[in-house]
Each structure stands twice: as C-alpha cells, then as structure tokens.
Amino acid sequence: MIIGTVIGNVWSTRKIEALVGLKFLVVETDRGEIVACDNIGAGEGDKVLITQGSSARQETGDSIPIDALIIGIIDK
C-alpha cells in the first residue's frame, strides 16, 4: 500500500465503457505522481491510502482496467 496526497482531478471526455462513471484523482506520493480510481469520495488535499495491481481491480468487483485504487482517507 502507498500513502499519498490528492493534488488534482483527471477529466476525460472519451474513455472505454468500463471506465464510465469512475472518478480518477492525481495523487502525489514519494514515488511521484500517480492516477488512482476513487470510490470513497476523497478530494484535493486529502491524505489517502492506495492499493495497486490486482488488489485494486478485485475491490471494484469487476475486471476493469485500473492499476491504483484509493482505499482509505487518512485522518491522522
């Protein structure tokens, strides 16, 4: 898992059907910036916990092509 801070949104007018309705955020980590799918309502400035790879895909319940998923907003 990775800890990072949300620094922005990703806007896309064209994407594959499986990604329609998903929210993507840009997250600054110690490894650089990554794009992560958000299902929990994180916003700019939030410190978040991210999982990557097959764990991210499994949590969505579908086989959608994502590599990073925000799984928690860190309070403290």
PDB file of N, CA and C in Angstrom:
ATOM      1  N   MET A   1       0.835  -1.179   0.000  1.00  0.00           N
ATOM      2  CA  MET A   1       0.000   0.000   0.000  1.00  0.00           C
ATOM      3  C   MET A   1       0.880   1.242   0.000  1.00  0.00           C
ATOM      4  N   ILE A   2       0.314   2.311  -0.493  1.00  0.00           N
ATOM      5  CA  ILE A   2       1.037   3.565  -0.661  1.00  0.00           C
ATOM      6  C   ILE A   2       0.251   4.688   0.005  1.00  0.00           C
ATOM      7  N   ILE A   3       0.961   5.609   0.644  1.00  0.00           N
ATOM      8  CA  ILE A   3       0.340   6.808   1.204  1.00  0.00           C
ATOM      9  C   ILE A   3       0.665   7.976   0.294  1.00  0.00           C
ATOM     10  N   GLY A   4      -0.336   8.821   0.033  1.00  0.00           N
ATOM     11  CA  GLY A   4      -0.116   9.993  -0.816  1.00  0.00           C
ATOM     12  C   GLY A   4      -1.129  11.076  -0.509  1.00  0.00           C
ATOM     13  N   THR A   5      -0.974  12.208  -1.203  1.00  0.00           N
ATOM     14  CA  THR A   5      -1.877  13.342  -1.049  1.00  0.00           C
ATOM     15  C   THR A   5      -2.518  13.662  -2.386  1.00  0.00           C
ATOM     16  N   VAL A   6      -3.836  13.809  -2.389  1.00  0.00           N
ATOM     17  CA  VAL A   6      -4.565  14.135  -3.619  1.00  0.00           C
ATOM     18  C   VAL A   6      -4.222  15.567  -4.025  1.00  0.00           C
ATOM     19  N   ILE A   7      -3.776  15.734  -5.287  1.00  0.00           N
ATOM     20  CA  ILE A   7      -3.402  17.064  -5.765  1.00  0.00           C
ATOM     21  C   ILE A   7      -4.244  17.535  -6.945  1.00  0.00           C
ATOM     22  N   GLY A   8      -5.137  16.700  -7.434  1.00  0.00           N
ATOM     23  CA  GLY A   8      -5.968  17.139  -8.553  1.00  0.00           C
ATOM     24  C   GLY A   8      -6.866  16.046  -9.093  1.00  0.00           C
ATOM     25  N   ASN A   9      -7.652  16.411 -10.098  1.00  0.00           N
ATOM     26  CA  ASN A   9      -8.577  15.502 -10.763  1.00  0.00           C
ATOM     27  C   ASN A   9      -8.102  15.201 -12.172  1.00  0.00           C
ATOM     28  N   VAL A  10      -8.556  14.082 -12.709  1.00  0.00           N
ATOM     29  CA  VAL A  10      -8.333  13.752 -14.109  1.00  0.00           C
ATOM     30  C   VAL A  10      -9.684  13.820 -14.801  1.00  0.00           C
ATOM     31  N   TRP A  11      -9.774  14.624 -15.858  1.00  0.00           N
ATOM     32  CA  TRP A  11     -11.005  14.762 -16.635  1.00  0.00           C
ATOM     33  C   TRP A  11     -10.806  14.109 -17.987  1.00  0.00           C
ATOM     34  N   SER A  12     -11.770  13.305 -18.399  1.00  0.00           N
ATOM     35  CA  SER A  12     -11.670  12.623 -19.680  1.00  0.00           C
ATOM     36  C   SER A  12     -13.047  12.579 -20.324  1.00  0.00           C
ATOM     37  N   THR A  13     -13.151  13.091 -21.530  1.00  0.00           N
ATOM     38  CA  THR A  13     -14.432  13.064 -22.226  1.00  0.00           C
ATOM     39  C   THR A  13     -14.619  11.785 -23.028  1.00  0.00           C
ATOM     40  N   ARG A  14     -13.522  11.087 -23.321  1.00  0.00           N
ATOM     41  CA  ARG A  14     -13.599   9.835 -24.076  1.00  0.00           C
ATOM     42  C   ARG A  14     -12.804   8.773 -23.339  1.00  0.00           C
ATOM     43  N   LYS A  15     -13.455   7.642 -23.080  1.00  0.00           N
ATOM     44  CA  LYS A  15     -12.792   6.520 -22.428  1.00  0.00           C
ATOM     45  C   LYS A  15     -13.578   5.250 -22.712  1.00  0.00           C
ATOM     46  N   ILE A  16     -12.974   4.111 -22.417  1.00  0.00           N
ATOM     47  CA  ILE A  16     -13.668   2.849 -22.666  1.00  0.00           C
ATOM     48  C   ILE A  16     -14.877   2.728 -21.740  1.00  0.00           C
ATOM     49  N   GLU A  17     -15.849   1.977 -22.163  1.00  0.00           N
ATOM     50  CA  GLU A  17     -17.121   1.848 -21.444  1.00  0.00           C
ATOM     51  C   GLU A  17     -16.943   1.432 -19.988  1.00  0.00           C
ATOM     52  N   ALA A  18     -15.994   0.557 -19.703  1.00  0.00           N
ATOM     53  CA  ALA A  18     -15.792   0.062 -18.339  1.00  0.00           C
ATOM     54  C   ALA A  18     -15.378   1.167 -17.361  1.00  0.00           C
ATOM     55  N   LEU A  19     -14.851   2.281 -17.875  1.00  0.00           N
ATOM     56  CA  LEU A  19     -14.389   3.367 -17.002  1.00  0.00           C
ATOM     57  C   LEU A  19     -15.408   4.490 -16.831  1.00  0.00           C
ATOM     58  N   VAL A  20     -16.509   4.433 -17.573  1.00  0.00           N
ATOM     59  CA  VAL A  20     -17.528   5.474 -17.485  1.00  0.00           C
ATOM     60  C   VAL A  20     -18.106   5.504 -16.068  1.00  0.00           C
ATOM     61  N   GLY A  21     -18.171   6.683 -15.485  1.00  0.00           N
ATOM     62  CA  GLY A  21     -18.723   6.859 -14.147  1.00  0.00           C
ATOM     63  C   GLY A  21     -17.716   6.764 -13.025  1.00  0.00           C
ATOM     64  N   LEU A  22     -16.488   6.389 -13.340  1.00  0.00           N
ATOM     65  CA  LEU A  22     -15.457   6.311 -12.312  1.00  0.00           C
ATOM     66  C   LEU A  22     -14.750   7.657 -12.166  1.00  0.00           C
ATOM     67  N   LYS A  23     -14.353   7.971 -10.937  1.00  0.00           N
ATOM     68  CA  LYS A  23     -13.642   9.216 -10.639  1.00  0.00           C
ATOM     69  C   LYS A  23     -12.153   8.900 -10.503  1.00  0.00           C
ATOM     70  N   PHE A  24     -11.328   9.685 -11.189  1.00  0.00           N
ATOM     71  CA  PHE A  24      -9.887   9.498 -11.110  1.00  0.00           C
ATOM     72  C   PHE A  24      -9.222  10.734 -10.525  1.00  0.00           C
ATOM     73  N   LEU A  25      -8.276  10.508  -9.620  1.00  0.00           N
ATOM     74  CA  LEU A  25      -7.567  11.593  -8.953  1.00  0.00           C
ATOM     75  C   LEU A  25      -6.065  11.459  -9.157  1.00  0.00           C
ATOM     76  N   VAL A  26      -5.378  12.592  -9.208  1.00  0.00           N
ATOM     77  CA  VAL A  26      -3.913  12.603  -9.247  1.00  0.00           C
ATOM     78  C   VAL A  26      -3.428  12.654  -7.807  1.00  0.00           C
ATOM     79  N   VAL A  27      -2.541  11.719  -7.463  1.00  0.00           N
ATOM     80  CA  VAL A  27      -2.042  11.610  -6.092  1.00  0.00           C
ATOM     81  C   VAL A  27      -0.520  11.740  -6.104  1.00  0.00           C
ATOM     82  N   GLU A  28       0.001  12.617  -5.253  1.00  0.00           N
ATOM     83  CA  GLU A  28       1.448  12.796  -5.097  1.00  0.00           C
ATOM     84  C   GLU A  28       1.923  11.821  -4.024  1.00  0.00           C
ATOM     85  N   THR A  29       2.885  10.967  -4.400  1.00  0.00           N
ATOM     86  CA  THR A  29       3.457  10.006  -3.452  1.00  0.00           C
ATOM     87  C   THR A  29       4.963  10.214  -3.411  1.00  0.00           C
ATOM     88  N   ASP A  30       5.615   9.458  -2.561  1.00  0.00           N
ATOM     89  CA  ASP A  30       7.075   9.536  -2.517  1.00  0.00           C
ATOM     90  C   ASP A  30       7.705   8.950  -3.775  1.00  0.00           C
ATOM     91  N   ARG A  31       6.910   8.250  -4.582  1.00  0.00           N
ATOM     92  CA  ARG A  31       7.368   7.672  -5.847  1.00  0.00           C
ATOM     93  C   ARG A  31       7.044   8.567  -7.042  1.00  0.00           C
ATOM     94  N   GLY A  32       6.418   9.712  -6.793  1.00  0.00           N
ATOM     95  CA  GLY A  32       5.988  10.607  -7.860  1.00  0.00           C
ATOM     96  C   GLY A  32       4.471  10.643  -7.939  1.00  0.00           C
ATOM     97  N   GLU A  33       3.952  11.208  -9.008  1.00  0.00           N
ATOM     98  CA  GLU A  33       2.505  11.313  -9.182  1.00  0.00           C
ATOM     99  C   GLU A  33       1.933  10.038  -9.807  1.00  0.00           C
ATOM    100  N   ILE A  34       0.769   9.635  -9.313  1.00  0.00           N
ATOM    101  CA  ILE A  34       0.056   8.509  -9.909  1.00  0.00           C
ATOM    102  C   ILE A  34      -1.412   8.901 -10.055  1.00  0.00           C
ATOM    103  N   VAL A  35      -2.099   8.207 -10.937  1.00  0.00           N
ATOM    104  CA  VAL A  35      -3.538   8.384 -11.096  1.00  0.00           C
ATOM    105  C   VAL A  35      -4.209   7.198 -10.421  1.00  0.00           C
ATOM    106  N   ALA A  36      -5.168   7.494  -9.538  1.00  0.00           N
ATOM    107  CA  ALA A  36      -5.857   6.431  -8.813  1.00  0.00           C
ATOM    108  C   ALA A  36      -7.365   6.600  -8.932  1.00  0.00           C
ATOM    109  N   CYS A  37      -8.055   5.493  -9.051  1.00  0.00           N
ATOM    110  CA  CYS A  37      -9.507   5.481  -9.074  1.00  0.00           C
ATOM    111  C   CYS A  37     -10.008   5.721  -7.649  1.00  0.00           C
ATOM    112  N   ASP A  38     -11.088   6.501  -7.527  1.00  0.00           N
ATOM    113  CA  ASP A  38     -11.615   6.833  -6.201  1.00  0.00           C
ATOM    114  C   ASP A  38     -13.071   6.417  -6.086  1.00  0.00           C
ATOM    115  N   ASN A  39     -13.360   5.518  -5.151  1.00  0.00           N
ATOM    116  CA  ASN A  39     -14.730   5.077  -4.889  1.00  0.00           C
ATOM    117  C   ASN A  39     -15.233   5.546  -3.532  1.00  0.00           C
ATOM    118  N   ILE A  40     -14.404   6.281  -2.773  1.00  0.00           N
ATOM    119  CA  ILE A  40     -14.781   6.620  -1.395  1.00  0.00           C
ATOM    120  C   ILE A  40     -14.993   8.108  -1.159  1.00  0.00           C
ATOM    121  N   GLY A  41     -14.817   8.934  -2.178  1.00  0.00           N
ATOM    122  CA  GLY A  41     -15.107  10.358  -2.028  1.00  0.00           C
ATOM    123  C   GLY A  41     -13.956  11.207  -1.546  1.00  0.00           C
ATOM    124  N   ALA A  42     -12.735  10.831  -1.856  1.00  0.00           N
ATOM    125  CA  ALA A  42     -11.580  11.654  -1.495  1.00  0.00           C
ATOM    126  C   ALA A  42     -11.581  12.932  -2.329  1.00  0.00           C
ATOM    127  N   GLY A  43     -10.915  13.948  -1.813  1.00  0.00           N
ATOM    128  CA  GLY A  43     -10.838  15.210  -2.535  1.00  0.00           C
ATOM    129  C   GLY A  43      -9.462  15.824  -2.426  1.00  0.00           C
ATOM    130  N   GLU A  44      -9.271  16.911  -3.135  1.00  0.00           N
ATOM    131  CA  GLU A  44      -7.984  17.587  -3.162  1.00  0.00           C
ATOM    132  C   GLU A  44      -7.537  17.956  -1.748  1.00  0.00           C
ATOM    133  N   GLY A  45      -6.277  17.624  -1.454  1.00  0.00           N
ATOM    134  CA  GLY A  45      -5.701  17.901  -0.144  1.00  0.00           C
ATOM    135  C   GLY A  45      -5.800  16.740   0.829  1.00  0.00           C
ATOM    136  N   ASP A  46      -6.648  15.753   0.534  1.00  0.00           N
ATOM    137  CA  ASP A  46      -6.782  14.599   1.431  1.00  0.00           C
ATOM    138  C   ASP A  46      -5.551  13.716   1.364  1.00  0.00           C
ATOM    139  N   LYS A  47      -5.144  13.206   2.516  1.00  0.00           N
ATOM    140  CA  LYS A  47      -4.089  12.200   2.582  1.00  0.00           C
ATOM    141  C   LYS A  47      -4.796  10.858   2.447  1.00  0.00           C
ATOM    142  N   VAL A  48      -4.333  10.020   1.508  1.00  0.00           N
ATOM    143  CA  VAL A  48      -5.050   8.785   1.184  1.00  0.00           C
ATOM    144  C   VAL A  48      -4.143   7.566   1.208  1.00  0.00           C
ATOM    145  N   LEU A  49      -4.783   6.408   1.320  1.00  0.00           N
ATOM    146  CA  LEU A  49      -4.123   5.117   1.261  1.00  0.00           C
ATOM    147  C   LEU A  49      -4.529   4.464  -0.052  1.00  0.00           C
ATOM    148  N   ILE A  50      -3.537   3.977  -0.786  1.00  0.00           N
ATOM    149  CA  ILE A  50      -3.765   3.435  -2.136  1.00  0.00           C
ATOM    150  C   ILE A  50      -3.263   1.994  -2.205  1.00  0.00           C
ATOM    151  N   THR A  51      -4.015   1.162  -2.909  1.00  0.00           N
ATOM    152  CA  THR A  51      -3.541  -0.176  -3.246  1.00  0.00           C
ATOM    153  C   THR A  51      -3.378  -0.238  -4.760  1.00  0.00           C
ATOM    154  N   GLN A  52      -2.494  -1.104  -5.218  1.00  0.00           N
ATOM    155  CA  GLN A  52      -2.225  -1.200  -6.653  1.00  0.00           C
ATOM    156  C   GLN A  52      -2.322  -2.642  -7.135  1.00  0.00           C
ATOM    157  N   GLY A  53      -2.332  -2.770  -8.459  1.00  0.00           N
ATOM    158  CA  GLY A  53      -2.304  -4.081  -9.098  1.00  0.00           C
ATOM    159  C   GLY A  53      -3.610  -4.831  -8.991  1.00  0.00           C
ATOM    160  N   SER A  54      -3.524  -6.157  -8.860  1.00  0.00           N
ATOM    161  CA  SER A  54      -4.722  -6.991  -8.859  1.00  0.00           C
ATOM    162  C   SER A  54      -5.629  -6.688  -7.669  1.00  0.00           C
ATOM    163  N   SER A  55      -5.077  -6.238  -6.566  1.00  0.00           N
ATOM    164  CA  SER A  55      -5.907  -5.874  -5.407  1.00  0.00           C
ATOM    165  C   SER A  55      -6.848  -4.735  -5.740  1.00  0.00           C
ATOM    166  N   ALA A  56      -6.382  -3.788  -6.534  1.00  0.00           N
ATOM    167  CA  ALA A  56      -7.219  -2.656  -6.946  1.00  0.00           C
ATOM    168  C   ALA A  56      -8.356  -3.139  -7.834  1.00  0.00           C
ATOM    169  N   ARG A  57      -8.059  -3.995  -8.773  1.00  0.00           N
ATOM    170  CA  ARG A  57      -9.085  -4.497  -9.686  1.00  0.00           C
ATOM    171  C   ARG A  57     -10.119  -5.357  -8.954  1.00  0.00           C
ATOM    172  N   GLN A  58      -9.685  -6.195  -8.030  1.00  0.00           N
ATOM    173  CA  GLN A  58     -10.592  -7.083  -7.320  1.00  0.00           C
ATOM    174  C   GLN A  58     -11.580  -6.317  -6.448  1.00  0.00           C
ATOM    175  N   GLU A  59     -11.159  -5.251  -5.844  1.00  0.00           N
ATOM    176  CA  GLU A  59     -12.024  -4.494  -4.938  1.00  0.00           C
ATOM    177  C   GLU A  59     -13.202  -3.857  -5.658  1.00  0.00           C
ATOM    178  N   THR A  60     -13.049  -3.547  -6.926  1.00  0.00           N
ATOM    179  CA  THR A  60     -14.135  -2.922  -7.670  1.00  0.00           C
ATOM    180  C   THR A  60     -15.240  -3.922  -8.015  1.00  0.00           C
ATOM    181  N   GLY A  61     -14.960  -5.212  -7.914  1.00  0.00           N
ATOM    182  CA  GLY A  61     -15.963  -6.225  -8.205  1.00  0.00           C
ATOM    183  C   GLY A  61     -16.062  -6.571  -9.678  1.00  0.00           C
ATOM    184  N   ASP A  62     -15.374  -5.842 -10.513  1.00  0.00           N
ATOM    185  CA  ASP A  62     -15.381  -6.089 -11.952  1.00  0.00           C
ATOM    186  C   ASP A  62     -13.943  -6.222 -12.432  1.00  0.00           C
ATOM    187  N   SER A  63     -13.789  -6.661 -13.639  1.00  0.00           N
ATOM    188  CA  SER A  63     -12.455  -6.721 -14.237  1.00  0.00           C
ATOM    189  C   SER A  63     -12.220  -5.458 -15.052  1.00  0.00           C
ATOM    190  N   ILE A  64     -12.153  -4.332 -14.377  1.00  0.00           N
ATOM    191  CA  ILE A  64     -11.914  -3.072 -15.082  1.00  0.00           C
ATOM    192  C   ILE A  64     -10.419  -2.781 -15.108  1.00  0.00           C
ATOM    193  N   PRO A  65      -9.946  -2.098 -16.129  1.00  0.00           N
ATOM    194  CA  PRO A  65      -8.513  -1.880 -16.298  1.00  0.00           C
ATOM    195  C   PRO A  65      -7.982  -0.707 -15.464  1.00  0.00           C
ATOM    196  N   ILE A  66      -7.884  -0.923 -14.148  1.00  0.00           N
ATOM    197  CA  ILE A  66      -7.260   0.093 -13.300  1.00  0.00           C
ATOM    198  C   ILE A  66      -6.066  -0.526 -12.598  1.00  0.00           C
ATOM    199  N   ASP A  67      -5.112   0.325 -12.235  1.00  0.00           N
ATOM    200  CA  ASP A  67      -3.914  -0.158 -11.558  1.00  0.00           C
ATOM    201  C   ASP A  67      -3.786   0.369 -10.145  1.00  0.00           C
ATOM    202  N   ALA A  68      -4.519   1.436  -9.818  1.00  0.00           N
ATOM    203  CA  ALA A  68      -4.423   2.024  -8.482  1.00  0.00           C
ATOM    204  C   ALA A  68      -5.806   2.417  -8.002  1.00  0.00           C
ATOM    205  N   LEU A  69      -6.095   2.149  -6.719  1.00  0.00           N
ATOM    206  CA  LEU A  69      -7.400   2.426  -6.137  1.00  0.00           C
ATOM    207  C   LEU A  69      -7.214   3.040  -4.756  1.00  0.00           C
ATOM    208  N   ILE A  70      -7.903   4.152  -4.509  1.00  0.00           N
ATOM    209  CA  ILE A  70      -7.880   4.760  -3.184  1.00  0.00           C
ATOM    210  C   ILE A  70      -8.788   3.928  -2.291  1.00  0.00           C
ATOM    211  N   ILE A  71      -8.218   3.414  -1.191  1.00  0.00           N
ATOM    212  CA  ILE A  71      -8.983   2.525  -0.301  1.00  0.00           C
ATOM    213  C   ILE A  71      -9.226   3.145   1.061  1.00  0.00           C
ATOM    214  N   GLY A  72      -8.676   4.325   1.317  1.00  0.00           N
ATOM    215  CA  GLY A  72      -8.910   4.966   2.608  1.00  0.00           C
ATOM    216  C   GLY A  72      -8.479   6.413   2.594  1.00  0.00           C
ATOM    217  N   ILE A  73      -9.178   7.230   3.401  1.00  0.00           N
ATOM    218  CA  ILE A  73      -8.771   8.607   3.644  1.00  0.00           C
ATOM    219  C   ILE A  73      -8.174   8.627   5.042  1.00  0.00           C
ATOM    220  N   ILE A  74      -6.944   9.088   5.149  1.00  0.00           N
ATOM    221  CA  ILE A  74      -6.218   9.053   6.420  1.00  0.00           C
ATOM    222  C   ILE A  74      -6.588  10.269   7.268  1.00  0.00           C
ATOM    223  N   ASP A  75      -7.057  10.020   8.487  1.00  0.00           N
ATOM    224  CA  ASP A  75      -7.411  11.103   9.399  1.00  0.00           C
ATOM    225  C   ASP A  75      -6.210  11.583  10.206  1.00  0.00           C
ATOM    226  N   LYS A  76      -5.378  10.648  10.611  1.00  0.00           N
ATOM    227  CA  LYS A  76      -4.260  11.009  11.479  1.00  0.00           C
ATOM    228  C   LYS A  76      -3.113  10.036  11.310  1.00  0.00           C
TER     229      LYS A  76
END
